[in-house]
Amino acid sequence: MPRIPGGCPLTITVIASVLFALGLGTVSGLPAAAVTTPAGVAVTWTNTNVWTTGFQSDVALRNTSTSTLNPWQVAFTYAHTVNTLWNGVLIPSVGGFAVRAPTWSRSLAPGASTSFGLTSRKGVSTSLVPISCRVIGLPAGSAPIPCSVNGVAAPLPTATPTPTPTPTPVPSPSWTPLPPASGLLVAPYVDLGLWPTADLSAFAATTGVKALTGSFIVADRSSSCSPTWAGYTEYAVGTSSDFRPNITAFQSGGGQFIASFGGSLNNELARVCTNPSTLLSAYTKVVTRFNLSRIDFDIEGTDVSDSVSNQRRAAAVAALQVQRAAAGHPLQVSLTLPVMPSGLVASGVRTVSEFAAAGVRLSAVNVMAMDYGDGTRMMGTAAIAAAQATATQLGTIPTYAGLTSAQRLSLVGLTPMIGQNDVPGEIFTPTDATLVGQFATTHSLASLGWWEMTRDQPCTSATPSYMCSGVTSAQWTFSRAFVATTR
């Protein structure tokens, strides 16, 4: 969301090392060099995280043959059920699963390597590694290409097989993505990058707000896979300066704290942290450090146009939800996106589609009803129009197409920018706050927020412009107006 950082720097270096030792070392209990295999596709399978009902794996492929595979496709004989898969396309296969190259990295040349990751639900087998693999999708008349898993090769067929047709991708999840039964969540943003740092408990006590969305977790400017507040190493998640006492005090008083990743400045982790396992570890670090039951992804600017990083992000979030559920701590996820009064921009619809395709169970598609730049002046009316249009757009995404109009609207969240927006002439008033709050309550929206609580005060000579509303309304006028409509 639009913001100007405060004057004080505001994240723990998360190290999740996954070593793809091709032909060396021991992987999942099998010595990789124990068997000499012919040139082909060498698979190294590493289980990086195992819990009671499932496990996470990283898989490296090295093409040791003389043929270029385009696209590369490998099928696995597997005794478990794949939940989520990233950096590849999961496709059906009898006796297990198969993976096809992602659109951004289709070709695997001789000597080249690639990798993908997945989470699986345990079956009856005690072995957490595929029994065998085979290269599929080869051109008609091509000789079979051997495939080995951790140095163990499957026997080649005795005859040239019939070419495998291009499989159909697994359909979108069949679950019904309804919002939580607790009803409208009122959770305004608080910019923890501002100085002095907001006292979350004091904000809540003064305004009656019971949930707060802390912003923004992004990549450390000097370490791409380390989560920080506002990008500063001084505020690395896991250090003594990561605001944990402030957050814990708010939670101890009955408040719900939500961490938001992204924003309009700095790098959201998935853009610069390209290792899937390390990215998942970074997200996990934040969730466990602050004992979170809900997180938010504010995807805007360059990020909302970057499909590659968003697919990586969505896969990691889906895996995180699976892991947290398996550990008995279900995790809600909201996706916050730019919007116009006419609805989400095209890249926003694509972003929601990619989260749904990855298996992420969204509790809210939250729209940033602000900064339209199209001459809009009736900001409350425009916010409501944006929410209604977004609900209609969700019907074009297969995961949500079966829901009723009311159900889709109840998946939408609204977050306007209070007071003066970044666009001249766009002013969101206390009257707009009442109008939007009443709409959110009446139509059981998924969430209601505003950008942001520190700004809920008039500007004075002693108050920097980025810490005030730009209008004359008294402190907490907007927050109290929103809260009053939701009681």
Protein backbone atom coordinates (compact mmCIF):
# COMPACT_ATOMS: atom_id res chain seq x y z
CA MET A 1 0.00 0.00 0.00
CA PRO A 2 1.15 3.58 -0.46
CA ARG A 3 3.33 4.77 2.40
CA ILE A 4 6.38 6.77 3.31
CA PRO A 5 8.77 5.01 5.70
CA GLY A 6 9.61 6.55 9.04
CA GLY A 7 12.98 7.80 10.08
CA CYS A 8 14.04 4.74 12.05
CA PRO A 9 15.15 1.53 10.38
CA LEU A 10 12.88 -1.23 10.74
CA THR A 11 13.31 -8.48 9.92
CA ILE A 12 16.39 -13.49 11.08
CA THR A 13 18.30 -14.87 8.58
CA VAL A 14 16.42 -18.03 7.82
CA ILE A 15 18.71 -20.77 6.71
CA ALA A 16 17.00 -23.77 5.22
CA SER A 17 19.75 -25.55 3.42
CA VAL A 18 18.71 -28.17 0.97
CA LEU A 19 21.76 -29.72 -0.65
CA PHE A 20 21.12 -31.28 -4.04
CA ALA A 21 24.23 -33.48 -4.01
CA LEU A 22 24.04 -35.14 -7.39
CA GLY A 23 25.86 -38.47 -7.26
CA LEU A 24 27.46 -37.78 -3.86
CA GLY A 25 26.53 -38.10 -0.21
CA THR A 26 23.55 -39.75 1.38
CA VAL A 27 20.00 -38.71 0.58
CA SER A 28 17.01 -40.04 2.56
CA GLY A 29 19.11 -42.97 3.75
CA LEU A 30 20.21 -44.15 0.31
CA PRO A 31 23.84 -43.65 -0.72
CA ALA A 32 23.58 -41.87 -4.04
CA ALA A 33 26.77 -43.41 -5.39
CA ALA A 34 25.84 -46.97 -4.51
CA VAL A 35 24.64 -47.85 -8.01
CA THR A 36 26.21 -46.86 -11.32
CA THR A 37 23.45 -45.95 -13.73
CA PRO A 38 23.51 -45.28 -17.46
CA ALA A 39 23.22 -41.77 -18.86
CA GLY A 40 19.68 -40.47 -18.59
CA VAL A 41 17.85 -38.42 -15.98
CA ALA A 42 19.30 -38.59 -12.47
CA VAL A 43 16.81 -37.68 -9.74
CA THR A 44 17.97 -36.70 -6.27
CA TRP A 45 15.10 -36.82 -3.79
CA THR A 46 15.56 -35.09 -0.40
CA ASN A 47 12.95 -35.06 2.34
CA THR A 48 13.41 -31.73 4.10
CA ASN A 49 10.59 -31.76 6.64
CA VAL A 50 8.57 -34.69 8.03
CA TRP A 51 5.57 -34.45 10.34
CA THR A 52 2.94 -36.90 11.60
CA THR A 53 0.71 -37.04 8.55
CA GLY A 54 2.92 -35.75 5.76
CA PHE A 55 6.26 -34.49 4.58
CA GLN A 56 7.97 -31.98 2.32
CA SER A 57 10.49 -32.90 -0.37
CA ASP A 58 12.94 -31.18 -2.71
CA VAL A 59 13.67 -32.94 -5.98
CA ALA A 60 16.61 -32.22 -8.27
CA LEU A 61 16.80 -33.48 -11.86
CA ARG A 62 20.01 -33.66 -13.89
CA ASN A 63 19.95 -34.55 -17.56
CA THR A 64 22.98 -36.79 -18.13
CA SER A 65 21.76 -37.96 -21.53
CA THR A 66 22.69 -36.52 -24.92
CA SER A 67 19.11 -35.44 -25.68
CA THR A 68 17.43 -32.13 -24.94
CA LEU A 69 14.11 -32.67 -23.16
CA ASN A 70 11.57 -30.05 -24.20
CA PRO A 71 9.45 -30.03 -22.21
CA TRP A 72 10.95 -32.32 -19.60
CA GLN A 73 8.42 -34.74 -18.08
CA VAL A 74 9.07 -37.38 -15.44
CA ALA A 75 6.63 -39.87 -13.88
CA PHE A 76 7.18 -41.41 -10.43
CA THR A 77 5.95 -44.65 -8.90
CA TYR A 78 4.87 -43.30 -5.53
CA ALA A 79 2.99 -44.65 -2.53
CA HIS A 80 1.84 -41.29 -1.14
CA THR A 81 -0.53 -38.49 -2.21
CA VAL A 82 0.87 -35.20 -3.45
CA ASN A 83 -0.80 -32.19 -1.83
CA THR A 84 1.03 -29.29 -3.47
CA LEU A 85 3.83 -28.97 -5.98
CA TRP A 86 5.86 -25.93 -7.06
CA ASN A 87 8.27 -25.15 -9.93
CA GLY A 88 6.54 -27.76 -12.06
CA VAL A 89 3.09 -28.84 -13.26
CA LEU A 90 1.51 -31.75 -11.39
CA ILE A 91 -0.19 -34.20 -13.77
CA PRO A 92 -2.00 -37.51 -13.24
CA SER A 93 -0.10 -40.77 -13.52
CA VAL A 94 -1.15 -44.31 -12.68
CA GLY A 95 0.63 -45.59 -9.59
CA GLY A 96 1.94 -42.23 -8.48
CA PHE A 97 2.32 -38.79 -10.03
CA ALA A 98 4.12 -37.04 -12.85
CA VAL A 99 5.68 -33.61 -13.28
CA ARG A 100 5.93 -31.51 -16.41
CA ALA A 101 8.22 -28.52 -16.86
CA PRO A 102 6.78 -25.14 -15.85
CA THR A 103 6.14 -22.63 -18.62
CA TRP A 104 9.09 -20.47 -17.63
CA SER A 105 11.69 -23.30 -17.76
CA ARG A 106 10.56 -25.91 -20.26
CA SER A 107 13.83 -27.15 -21.72
CA LEU A 108 16.40 -29.38 -20.01
CA ALA A 109 19.57 -29.56 -22.09
CA PRO A 110 22.25 -32.27 -21.78
CA GLY A 111 24.21 -31.62 -18.61
CA ALA A 112 21.62 -29.17 -17.27
CA SER A 113 19.82 -29.42 -13.94
CA THR A 114 16.49 -28.24 -12.60
CA SER A 115 14.42 -28.80 -9.48
CA PHE A 116 10.91 -28.75 -8.04
CA GLY A 117 9.39 -29.17 -4.60
CA LEU A 118 6.28 -30.77 -3.14
CA THR A 119 4.41 -31.71 -0.02
CA SER A 120 2.77 -35.12 0.36
CA ARG A 121 0.25 -36.83 2.60
CA LYS A 122 1.65 -40.08 3.95
CA GLY A 123 0.31 -43.36 2.61
CA VAL A 124 0.80 -46.83 4.08
CA SER A 125 4.38 -47.21 2.82
CA THR A 126 7.20 -46.47 5.25
CA SER A 127 9.48 -45.31 2.44
CA LEU A 128 9.13 -41.59 1.74
CA VAL A 129 10.97 -41.85 -1.60
CA PRO A 130 9.52 -42.95 -4.98
CA ILE A 131 10.14 -46.57 -5.95
CA SER A 132 11.18 -45.57 -9.47
CA CYS A 133 10.88 -42.94 -12.16
CA ARG A 134 10.58 -42.82 -15.93
CA VAL A 135 10.99 -40.12 -18.54
CA ILE A 136 7.72 -39.61 -20.42
CA GLY A 137 6.43 -37.49 -23.28
CA LEU A 138 9.30 -38.32 -25.63
CA PRO A 139 8.79 -37.81 -29.39
CA ALA A 140 7.44 -40.76 -31.38
CA GLY A 141 10.18 -43.25 -32.26
CA SER A 142 12.60 -41.96 -29.63
CA ALA A 143 14.64 -44.44 -27.65
CA PRO A 144 13.71 -44.65 -23.96
CA ILE A 145 15.82 -42.53 -21.62
CA PRO A 146 16.84 -44.18 -18.33
CA CYS A 147 15.78 -42.59 -15.06
CA SER A 148 17.18 -43.14 -11.57
CA VAL A 149 16.08 -42.06 -8.10
CA ASN A 150 18.96 -41.52 -5.68
CA GLY A 151 21.18 -43.71 -7.86
CA VAL A 152 18.69 -46.59 -8.27
CA ALA A 153 17.59 -47.01 -11.88
CA ALA A 154 14.33 -48.57 -13.06
CA PRO A 155 14.60 -51.21 -15.83
CA LEU A 156 14.03 -49.91 -19.34
CA PRO A 157 11.06 -51.24 -21.32
CA THR A 158 11.92 -53.99 -23.80
CA ALA A 159 10.10 -52.27 -26.64
CA THR A 160 9.66 -48.71 -27.80
CA PRO A 161 6.66 -47.46 -25.87
CA THR A 162 3.71 -45.63 -27.32
CA PRO A 163 4.34 -41.91 -26.98
CA THR A 164 2.74 -40.50 -23.86
CA PRO A 165 0.20 -37.80 -24.71
CA THR A 166 0.48 -34.45 -22.99
CA PRO A 167 -1.44 -34.93 -19.76
CA THR A 168 -4.20 -32.66 -18.51
CA PRO A 169 -3.26 -30.61 -15.44
CA VAL A 170 -4.88 -31.51 -12.17
CA PRO A 171 -8.10 -29.47 -11.77
CA SER A 172 -8.48 -26.76 -9.16
CA PRO A 173 -9.22 -27.90 -5.61
CA SER A 174 -12.74 -29.10 -4.96
CA TRP A 175 -13.08 -27.48 -1.53
CA THR A 176 -15.64 -24.71 -1.01
CA PRO A 177 -13.68 -21.55 -0.20
CA LEU A 178 -16.09 -19.90 2.23
CA PRO A 179 -14.90 -17.33 4.77
CA PRO A 180 -14.55 -18.24 8.44
CA ALA A 181 -17.75 -18.56 10.43
CA SER A 182 -16.71 -15.81 12.86
CA GLY A 183 -18.04 -13.17 10.42
CA LEU A 184 -16.61 -9.80 9.43
CA LEU A 185 -13.00 -9.34 10.53
CA VAL A 186 -12.14 -5.72 11.30
CA ALA A 187 -8.36 -5.49 11.03
CA PRO A 188 -6.88 -2.11 10.00
CA TYR A 189 -3.24 -1.83 9.00
CA VAL A 190 -0.55 -0.47 11.30
CA ASP A 191 2.73 0.51 9.65
CA LEU A 192 5.42 -0.88 11.93
CA GLY A 193 8.04 0.83 9.76
CA LEU A 194 7.13 4.23 11.17
CA TRP A 195 8.94 5.91 14.05
CA PRO A 196 7.96 6.07 16.84
CA THR A 197 6.63 2.53 16.65
CA ALA A 198 2.90 2.19 17.23
CA ASP A 199 1.78 0.84 20.60
CA LEU A 200 -0.62 -1.84 19.39
CA SER A 201 -2.34 -2.37 22.74
CA ALA A 202 -2.90 1.36 23.19
CA PHE A 203 -4.30 1.71 19.67
CA ALA A 204 -6.76 -1.11 20.33
CA ALA A 205 -7.83 0.15 23.74
CA THR A 206 -8.46 3.65 22.43
CA THR A 207 -10.46 2.69 19.35
CA GLY A 208 -12.11 -0.64 20.18
CA VAL A 209 -10.29 -2.45 17.36
CA LYS A 210 -9.68 -6.11 18.24
CA ALA A 211 -7.49 -7.17 15.30
CA LEU A 212 -4.57 -5.39 13.65
CA THR A 213 -2.63 -6.05 10.46
CA GLY A 214 1.06 -5.27 10.89
CA SER A 215 2.88 -4.12 7.78
CA PHE A 216 5.07 -4.95 6.05
CA ILE A 217 7.23 -8.07 6.14
CA VAL A 218 9.64 -7.96 3.19
CA ALA A 219 13.05 -9.29 2.22
CA ASP A 220 16.09 -7.91 4.01
CA ARG A 221 17.79 -5.44 1.70
CA SER A 222 21.09 -7.22 2.28
CA SER A 223 19.82 -10.83 2.43
CA SER A 224 17.09 -11.81 -0.01
CA CYS A 225 15.62 -14.74 1.96
CA SER A 226 15.60 -13.12 5.38
CA PRO A 227 12.20 -11.70 6.49
CA THR A 228 12.34 -8.22 7.99
CA TRP A 229 10.04 -5.39 8.94
CA ALA A 230 10.42 -2.78 6.17
CA GLY A 231 13.58 -4.36 4.78
CA TYR A 232 16.01 -3.32 7.50
CA THR A 233 18.41 -5.85 9.03
CA GLU A 234 18.02 -4.12 12.38
CA TYR A 235 14.43 -5.33 12.44
CA ALA A 236 15.05 -8.88 11.26
CA VAL A 237 12.40 -11.36 12.36
CA GLY A 238 13.81 -13.38 15.23
CA THR A 239 15.97 -10.65 16.73
CA SER A 240 15.29 -8.62 19.85
CA SER A 241 14.16 -5.68 17.69
CA ASP A 242 11.42 -7.42 15.71
CA PHE A 243 8.54 -5.92 17.79
CA ARG A 244 7.67 -9.26 19.35
CA PRO A 245 7.03 -7.84 22.87
CA ASN A 246 4.69 -5.24 21.36
CA ILE A 247 2.85 -7.91 19.36
CA THR A 248 2.71 -10.40 22.23
CA ALA A 249 1.29 -7.80 24.60
CA PHE A 250 -1.50 -7.08 22.13
CA GLN A 251 -2.20 -10.78 21.70
CA SER A 252 -2.18 -11.38 25.46
CA GLY A 253 -4.92 -8.79 25.78
CA GLY A 254 -7.12 -10.78 23.42
CA GLY A 255 -6.09 -9.10 20.17
CA GLN A 256 -5.52 -10.90 16.87
CA PHE A 257 -2.32 -9.90 15.10
CA ILE A 258 -1.98 -10.47 11.35
CA ALA A 259 1.33 -10.04 9.56
CA SER A 260 1.18 -8.60 6.06
CA PHE A 261 3.86 -9.44 3.51
CA GLY A 262 4.66 -7.11 0.61
CA GLY A 263 3.46 -3.54 0.15
CA SER A 264 4.37 -0.96 -2.43
CA LEU A 265 8.00 -0.54 -1.32
CA ASN A 266 10.85 -3.05 -0.99
CA ASN A 267 10.82 -6.67 -2.19
CA GLU A 268 8.23 -9.22 -1.13
CA LEU A 269 10.19 -12.36 -0.29
CA ALA A 270 9.02 -14.45 -3.26
CA ARG A 271 10.36 -11.94 -5.76
CA VAL A 272 13.99 -12.31 -4.65
CA CYS A 273 14.07 -15.58 -2.70
CA THR A 274 13.88 -18.08 -5.54
CA ASN A 275 14.64 -21.30 -3.64
CA PRO A 276 11.23 -22.82 -2.83
CA SER A 277 12.32 -24.49 0.41
CA THR A 278 14.08 -21.40 1.71
CA LEU A 279 11.07 -19.24 0.81
CA LEU A 280 8.76 -21.60 2.68
CA SER A 281 11.11 -21.51 5.66
CA ALA A 282 11.06 -17.70 5.65
CA TYR A 283 7.27 -17.60 5.72
CA THR A 284 7.21 -20.30 8.40
CA LYS A 285 9.65 -18.31 10.51
CA VAL A 286 7.30 -15.34 10.64
CA VAL A 287 4.22 -17.44 11.43
CA THR A 288 5.87 -19.35 14.26
CA ARG A 289 7.78 -16.39 15.67
CA PHE A 290 4.61 -14.37 16.20
CA ASN A 291 2.23 -17.30 16.78
CA LEU A 292 -0.01 -16.28 13.87
CA SER A 293 -3.32 -17.80 12.81
CA ARG A 294 -3.67 -15.48 9.81
CA ILE A 295 -1.34 -13.76 7.34
CA ASP A 296 -1.88 -11.31 4.50
CA PHE A 297 -0.12 -10.81 1.18
CA ASP A 298 -0.27 -7.24 -0.12
CA ILE A 299 0.69 -7.74 -3.76
CA GLU A 300 0.97 -4.55 -5.78
CA GLY A 301 3.30 -2.54 -7.98
CA THR A 302 5.89 -4.70 -9.74
CA ASP A 303 4.88 -7.80 -7.78
CA VAL A 304 1.31 -7.95 -9.09
CA SER A 305 2.66 -8.08 -12.65
CA ASP A 306 5.21 -10.81 -11.90
CA SER A 307 3.50 -14.13 -12.56
CA VAL A 308 6.66 -16.20 -12.01
CA SER A 309 7.28 -14.96 -8.48
CA ASN A 310 3.56 -15.14 -7.69
CA GLN A 311 3.38 -18.80 -8.65
CA ARG A 312 6.41 -19.41 -6.43
CA ARG A 313 4.71 -17.45 -3.65
CA ALA A 314 1.40 -19.30 -4.05
CA ALA A 315 3.06 -22.72 -3.95
CA ALA A 316 4.94 -21.84 -0.77
CA VAL A 317 1.80 -20.48 0.89
CA ALA A 318 -0.17 -23.60 -0.05
CA ALA A 319 2.56 -25.79 1.44
CA LEU A 320 2.61 -23.63 4.56
CA GLN A 321 -1.15 -24.04 5.01
CA VAL A 322 -0.80 -27.81 4.71
CA GLN A 323 1.99 -27.90 7.27
CA ARG A 324 0.22 -25.68 9.77
CA ALA A 325 -2.99 -27.70 9.47
CA ALA A 326 -1.04 -30.93 10.01
CA ALA A 327 0.49 -29.41 13.14
CA GLY A 328 -2.96 -28.52 14.48
CA HIS A 329 -2.64 -24.79 13.78
CA PRO A 330 -4.74 -23.92 10.70
CA LEU A 331 -3.58 -20.78 8.91
CA GLN A 332 -5.92 -18.28 7.25
CA VAL A 333 -4.61 -16.31 4.28
CA SER A 334 -5.84 -13.09 2.71
CA LEU A 335 -4.69 -11.60 -0.58
CA THR A 336 -4.68 -7.80 -0.85
CA LEU A 337 -4.71 -6.32 -4.36
CA PRO A 338 -5.10 -3.01 -6.25
CA VAL A 339 -8.59 -2.27 -7.50
CA MET A 340 -10.59 0.22 -9.53
CA PRO A 341 -14.28 0.99 -8.99
CA SER A 342 -14.84 -1.41 -11.89
CA GLY A 343 -12.99 -4.23 -10.13
CA LEU A 344 -9.57 -5.84 -9.97
CA VAL A 345 -7.09 -5.05 -12.70
CA ALA A 346 -6.29 -7.98 -15.01
CA SER A 347 -3.06 -8.84 -13.19
CA GLY A 348 -5.01 -8.96 -9.94
CA VAL A 349 -7.46 -11.51 -11.32
CA ARG A 350 -4.50 -13.55 -12.56
CA THR A 351 -2.91 -13.38 -9.12
CA VAL A 352 -6.04 -14.75 -7.43
CA SER A 353 -6.26 -17.48 -10.08
CA GLU A 354 -2.66 -18.54 -9.42
CA PHE A 355 -3.25 -18.73 -5.67
CA ALA A 356 -6.37 -20.83 -6.26
CA ALA A 357 -4.60 -23.11 -8.75
CA ALA A 358 -1.81 -23.73 -6.23
CA GLY A 359 -4.37 -24.85 -3.64
CA VAL A 360 -4.25 -21.82 -1.33
CA ARG A 361 -7.45 -21.51 0.67
CA LEU A 362 -8.11 -17.79 0.73
CA SER A 363 -10.17 -16.33 3.55
CA ALA A 364 -10.41 -12.98 1.78
CA VAL A 365 -9.61 -11.20 -1.45
CA ASN A 366 -9.02 -7.77 0.05
CA VAL A 367 -9.14 -4.79 -2.31
CA MET A 368 -7.25 -1.53 -1.83
CA ALA A 369 -10.04 0.96 -2.47
CA MET A 370 -7.79 3.97 -2.97
CA ASP A 371 -5.65 5.96 -5.42
CA TYR A 372 -7.82 5.36 -8.50
CA GLY A 373 -6.53 8.32 -10.51
CA ASP A 374 -9.58 8.28 -12.78
CA GLY A 375 -11.40 11.32 -11.46
CA THR A 376 -13.28 9.45 -8.73
CA ARG A 377 -14.47 11.72 -5.92
CA MET A 378 -17.22 9.74 -4.16
CA MET A 379 -14.74 7.49 -2.39
CA GLY A 380 -17.19 5.53 -0.24
CA THR A 381 -19.46 4.75 -3.17
CA ALA A 382 -16.44 3.80 -5.29
CA ALA A 383 -15.20 1.39 -2.60
CA ILE A 384 -18.54 -0.39 -2.50
CA ALA A 385 -18.61 -0.60 -6.31
CA ALA A 386 -15.10 -2.07 -6.26
CA ALA A 387 -16.14 -4.76 -3.78
CA GLN A 388 -19.21 -5.73 -5.80
CA ALA A 389 -17.25 -5.85 -9.07
CA THR A 390 -14.53 -7.98 -7.47
CA ALA A 391 -17.13 -10.48 -6.26
CA THR A 392 -18.40 -10.75 -9.85
CA GLN A 393 -14.86 -11.31 -11.14
CA LEU A 394 -14.32 -14.16 -8.67
CA GLY A 395 -17.05 -16.00 -10.55
CA THR A 396 -14.75 -16.20 -13.59
CA ILE A 397 -12.20 -18.25 -11.61
CA PRO A 398 -13.05 -21.98 -11.56
CA THR A 399 -12.44 -22.38 -7.83
CA TYR A 400 -15.12 -19.81 -7.02
CA ALA A 401 -17.45 -20.22 -10.00
CA GLY A 402 -19.82 -22.53 -8.12
CA LEU A 403 -20.48 -20.05 -5.32
CA THR A 404 -23.52 -17.81 -5.20
CA SER A 405 -23.18 -14.05 -5.63
CA ALA A 406 -23.63 -13.57 -1.89
CA GLN A 407 -20.97 -16.16 -1.09
CA ARG A 408 -18.48 -14.53 -3.45
CA LEU A 409 -19.18 -11.12 -1.92
CA SER A 410 -18.56 -12.61 1.52
CA LEU A 411 -15.04 -13.50 0.32
CA VAL A 412 -14.24 -9.86 -0.45
CA GLY A 413 -12.46 -7.54 1.96
CA LEU A 414 -12.39 -3.73 1.75
CA THR A 415 -9.47 -1.48 2.69
CA PRO A 416 -9.78 2.23 1.84
CA MET A 417 -7.14 4.87 2.57
CA ILE A 418 -8.48 7.31 5.16
CA GLY A 419 -8.38 11.05 4.52
CA GLN A 420 -6.35 12.43 1.66
CA ASN A 421 -5.29 9.73 -0.78
CA ASP A 422 -2.08 9.96 -2.79
CA VAL A 423 -4.12 11.21 -5.76
CA PRO A 424 -5.17 14.89 -5.46
CA GLY A 425 -8.92 15.29 -5.09
CA GLU A 426 -9.48 11.78 -3.74
CA ILE A 427 -10.53 12.31 -0.10
CA PHE A 428 -12.06 9.53 1.98
CA THR A 429 -14.19 11.19 4.69
CA PRO A 430 -15.61 9.99 8.03
CA THR A 431 -18.99 9.84 6.29
CA ASP A 432 -17.43 7.48 3.74
CA ALA A 433 -16.14 5.37 6.65
CA THR A 434 -19.65 4.99 8.01
CA LEU A 435 -21.03 4.14 4.57
CA VAL A 436 -18.37 1.52 3.85
CA GLY A 437 -18.56 0.03 7.35
CA GLN A 438 -22.33 -0.36 7.10
CA PHE A 439 -22.01 -2.04 3.71
CA ALA A 440 -19.35 -4.45 4.98
CA THR A 441 -21.50 -5.38 7.98
CA THR A 442 -24.79 -5.70 6.07
CA HIS A 443 -23.29 -7.88 3.34
CA SER A 444 -21.06 -9.94 5.66
CA LEU A 445 -17.83 -9.11 3.87
CA ALA A 446 -14.80 -11.16 4.79
CA SER A 447 -12.84 -8.24 6.22
CA LEU A 448 -12.76 -4.50 6.73
CA GLY A 449 -9.56 -2.52 7.12
CA TRP A 450 -8.10 0.89 6.44
CA TRP A 451 -4.71 2.37 5.66
CA GLU A 452 -3.56 3.02 8.29
CA MET A 453 -4.16 3.62 12.00
CA THR A 454 -1.19 5.90 12.68
CA ARG A 455 -2.58 8.30 10.05
CA ASP A 456 -5.86 8.66 11.95
CA GLN A 457 -4.98 12.13 13.26
CA PRO A 458 -4.94 15.64 11.79
CA CYS A 459 -1.76 17.13 10.41
CA THR A 460 0.07 19.71 12.51
CA SER A 461 3.44 21.38 12.26
CA ALA A 462 4.80 18.65 14.54
CA THR A 463 3.27 15.74 12.60
CA PRO A 464 4.92 14.53 9.38
CA SER A 465 2.50 14.29 6.46
CA TYR A 466 2.93 10.53 6.17
CA MET A 467 1.69 10.12 9.77
CA CYS A 468 -1.57 12.07 9.43
CA SER A 469 -4.77 11.98 7.41
CA GLY A 470 -4.41 15.24 5.52
CA VAL A 471 -7.84 16.38 6.78
CA THR A 472 -8.96 18.18 9.94
CA SER A 473 -10.81 15.27 11.58
CA ALA A 474 -9.79 14.69 15.19
CA GLN A 475 -7.59 11.75 16.14
CA TRP A 476 -9.34 8.36 15.91
CA THR A 477 -12.37 9.80 14.09
CA PHE A 478 -12.07 7.30 11.24
CA SER A 479 -11.29 4.26 13.40
CA ARG A 480 -14.21 4.92 15.71
CA ALA A 481 -16.55 5.49 12.78
CA PHE A 482 -15.60 2.13 11.24
CA VAL A 483 -15.85 0.26 14.55
CA ALA A 484 -19.25 1.81 15.39
CA THR A 485 -20.81 0.35 12.25
CA THR A 486 -19.65 -3.20 13.00
CA ARG A 487 -21.06 -3.58 16.51
